[in-house]
Amino acid sequence: MQIIVSRRQGKRNFFGWAFNRNRGKEIRKHWKLIPSDIDVLITHSPPYGILDTTKAEIHDGCEDLLKAVKQSQPKYHPVGHIHEAYGRMQTIMAILSMAA
């Protein structure tokens, strides 16, 4: 079983906090490191459109992470970050869970 944990989050610069990377080219280079034979992928940021809705009804997940998850297809993908979007869902790609 192969497990990858990433503290990186594809997000706008959020108060200069550690592990933030700008969306686009800067975060994409990290997501490209996800191997295709991954069993469990743990990320702080959720993929776009999956357990990423804020109280303001805005999707705040990372679009580049969504592409990487579709490509690598982990069996499980626990995520964090969007506290109000906690829960669990199963997609064609993986079982995703949010424990905020």
C-alpha atoms as a PDB file:
ATOM      1  CA  MET A   1       0.000   0.000   0.000  1.00  0.00           C
ATOM      2  CA  GLN A   2       1.360   3.416  -0.945  1.00  0.00           C
ATOM      3  CA  ILE A   3       0.355   6.495   1.053  1.00  0.00           C
ATOM      4  CA  ILE A   4       1.221  10.107   0.216  1.00  0.00           C
ATOM      5  CA  VAL A   5       0.629  13.020   2.596  1.00  0.00           C
ATOM      6  CA  SER A   6       0.796  16.591   1.308  1.00  0.00           C
ATOM      7  CA  ARG A   7       0.619  19.711   3.445  1.00  0.00           C
ATOM      8  CA  ARG A   8       0.583  21.888   0.340  1.00  0.00           C
ATOM      9  CA  GLN A   9      -2.596  23.664  -0.531  1.00  0.00           C
ATOM     10  CA  GLY A  10      -3.437  25.266  -3.832  1.00  0.00           C
ATOM     11  CA  LYS A  11      -4.906  28.464  -2.530  1.00  0.00           C
ATOM     12  CA  ARG A  12      -4.605  32.141  -2.934  1.00  0.00           C
ATOM     13  CA  ASN A  13      -1.838  33.498  -0.700  1.00  0.00           C
ATOM     14  CA  PHE A  14      -3.540  33.121   2.659  1.00  0.00           C
ATOM     15  CA  PHE A  15      -1.903  35.526   5.130  1.00  0.00           C
ATOM     16  CA  GLY A  16       1.542  34.228   4.124  1.00  0.00           C
ATOM     17  CA  TRP A  17       1.008  30.990   6.069  1.00  0.00           C
ATOM     18  CA  ALA A  18       3.337  28.038   5.565  1.00  0.00           C
ATOM     19  CA  PHE A  19       2.700  25.488   2.824  1.00  0.00           C
ATOM     20  CA  ASN A  20       0.506  27.793   0.716  1.00  0.00           C
ATOM     21  CA  ARG A  21       1.218  27.728  -2.997  1.00  0.00           C
ATOM     22  CA  ASN A  22      -0.437  29.905  -5.593  1.00  0.00           C
ATOM     23  CA  ARG A  23      -2.877  28.140  -7.841  1.00  0.00           C
ATOM     24  CA  GLY A  24      -1.727  27.317 -11.324  1.00  0.00           C
ATOM     25  CA  LYS A  25       1.865  26.592 -12.265  1.00  0.00           C
ATOM     26  CA  GLU A  26       3.225  26.907  -8.720  1.00  0.00           C
ATOM     27  CA  ILE A  27       0.973  24.253  -7.124  1.00  0.00           C
ATOM     28  CA  ARG A  28       0.776  22.068 -10.240  1.00  0.00           C
ATOM     29  CA  LYS A  29       4.453  21.104  -9.880  1.00  0.00           C
ATOM     30  CA  HIS A  30       3.642  19.571  -6.472  1.00  0.00           C
ATOM     31  CA  TRP A  31       0.547  17.723  -7.661  1.00  0.00           C
ATOM     32  CA  LYS A  32       2.545  16.272 -10.586  1.00  0.00           C
ATOM     33  CA  LEU A  33       4.629  14.368  -8.014  1.00  0.00           C
ATOM     34  CA  ILE A  34       1.629  12.193  -7.061  1.00  0.00           C
ATOM     35  CA  PRO A  35       2.348   8.691  -8.407  1.00  0.00           C
ATOM     36  CA  SER A  36      -0.227   6.900 -10.544  1.00  0.00           C
ATOM     37  CA  ASP A  37      -0.238   3.783  -8.332  1.00  0.00           C
ATOM     38  CA  ILE A  38      -1.240   5.579  -5.114  1.00  0.00           C
ATOM     39  CA  ASP A  39      -3.608   3.898  -2.652  1.00  0.00           C
ATOM     40  CA  VAL A  40      -4.129   6.733  -0.154  1.00  0.00           C
ATOM     41  CA  LEU A  41      -3.594  10.429  -0.830  1.00  0.00           C
ATOM     42  CA  ILE A  42      -3.946  12.804   2.129  1.00  0.00           C
ATOM     43  CA  THR A  43      -4.085  16.520   1.370  1.00  0.00           C
ATOM     44  CA  HIS A  44      -4.932  19.610   3.345  1.00  0.00           C
ATOM     45  CA  SER A  45      -6.832  21.205   0.488  1.00  0.00           C
ATOM     46  CA  PRO A  46      -9.769  19.404  -1.125  1.00  0.00           C
ATOM     47  CA  PRO A  47     -10.141  19.050  -4.880  1.00  0.00           C
ATOM     48  CA  TYR A  48     -12.403  21.616  -6.536  1.00  0.00           C
ATOM     49  CA  GLY A  49     -16.106  20.837  -6.189  1.00  0.00           C
ATOM     50  CA  ILE A  50     -15.670  18.013  -3.673  1.00  0.00           C
ATOM     51  CA  LEU A  51     -16.275  18.779   0.014  1.00  0.00           C
ATOM     52  CA  ASP A  52     -15.039  22.320  -0.616  1.00  0.00           C
ATOM     53  CA  THR A  53     -18.103  24.560  -0.204  1.00  0.00           C
ATOM     54  CA  THR A  54     -17.666  27.412   2.269  1.00  0.00           C
ATOM     55  CA  LYS A  55     -20.396  29.092   4.334  1.00  0.00           C
ATOM     56  CA  ALA A  56     -20.494  31.743   1.606  1.00  0.00           C
ATOM     57  CA  GLU A  57     -21.426  28.975  -0.892  1.00  0.00           C
ATOM     58  CA  ILE A  58     -18.076  29.328  -2.685  1.00  0.00           C
ATOM     59  CA  HIS A  59     -16.131  26.322  -3.957  1.00  0.00           C
ATOM     60  CA  ASP A  60     -12.641  26.808  -2.537  1.00  0.00           C
ATOM     61  CA  GLY A  61     -11.001  23.548  -3.594  1.00  0.00           C
ATOM     62  CA  CYS A  62      -8.065  23.292  -5.960  1.00  0.00           C
ATOM     63  CA  GLU A  63      -8.842  22.669  -9.656  1.00  0.00           C
ATOM     64  CA  ASP A  64      -5.325  21.383 -10.311  1.00  0.00           C
ATOM     65  CA  LEU A  65      -5.657  18.908  -7.440  1.00  0.00           C
ATOM     66  CA  LEU A  66      -8.919  17.662  -8.963  1.00  0.00           C
ATOM     67  CA  LYS A  67      -7.068  16.937 -12.231  1.00  0.00           C
ATOM     68  CA  ALA A  68      -4.275  15.159 -10.340  1.00  0.00           C
ATOM     69  CA  VAL A  69      -6.759  13.020  -8.358  1.00  0.00           C
ATOM     70  CA  LYS A  70      -8.589  12.071 -11.556  1.00  0.00           C
ATOM     71  CA  GLN A  71      -5.282  11.013 -13.074  1.00  0.00           C
ATOM     72  CA  SER A  72      -3.834   9.114 -10.075  1.00  0.00           C
ATOM     73  CA  GLN A  73      -7.168   7.649  -8.853  1.00  0.00           C
ATOM     74  CA  PRO A  74      -6.312   6.907  -5.200  1.00  0.00           C
ATOM     75  CA  LYS A  75      -8.647   4.521  -3.385  1.00  0.00           C
ATOM     76  CA  TYR A  76      -8.989   6.936  -0.445  1.00  0.00           C
ATOM     77  CA  HIS A  77      -8.414  10.678  -0.276  1.00  0.00           C
ATOM     78  CA  PRO A  78      -8.880  12.218   3.198  1.00  0.00           C
ATOM     79  CA  VAL A  79      -8.795  16.024   3.006  1.00  0.00           C
ATOM     80  CA  GLY A  80      -8.988  18.941   5.391  1.00  0.00           C
ATOM     81  CA  HIS A  81      -9.194  22.713   5.282  1.00  0.00           C
ATOM     82  CA  ILE A  82     -12.855  23.620   4.579  1.00  0.00           C
ATOM     83  CA  HIS A  83     -14.178  23.000   8.092  1.00  0.00           C
ATOM     84  CA  GLU A  84     -17.831  23.602   7.275  1.00  0.00           C
ATOM     85  CA  ALA A  85     -17.735  21.052   4.434  1.00  0.00           C
ATOM     86  CA  TYR A  86     -17.023  18.049   6.669  1.00  0.00           C
ATOM     87  CA  GLY A  87     -18.437  14.703   5.665  1.00  0.00           C
ATOM     88  CA  ARG A  88     -17.786  11.762   3.426  1.00  0.00           C
ATOM     89  CA  MET A  89     -18.585  11.048  -0.179  1.00  0.00           C
ATOM     90  CA  GLN A  90     -17.767   8.402  -2.716  1.00  0.00           C
ATOM     91  CA  THR A  91     -16.960   9.438  -6.249  1.00  0.00           C
ATOM     92  CA  ILE A  92     -15.918   7.491  -9.287  1.00  0.00           C
ATOM     93  CA  MET A  93     -12.371   8.547  -8.424  1.00  0.00           C
ATOM     94  CA  ALA A  94     -12.103   7.690  -4.715  1.00  0.00           C
ATOM     95  CA  ILE A  95     -13.713   7.739  -1.323  1.00  0.00           C
ATOM     96  CA  LEU A  96     -13.115  11.217   0.065  1.00  0.00           C
ATOM     97  CA  SER A  97     -13.566  12.256   3.652  1.00  0.00           C
ATOM     98  CA  MET A  98     -13.338  15.550   5.515  1.00  0.00           C
ATOM     99  CA  ALA A  99     -12.607  15.507   9.206  1.00  0.00           C
ATOM    100  CA  ALA A 100     -12.348  19.152  10.185  1.00  0.00           C
END
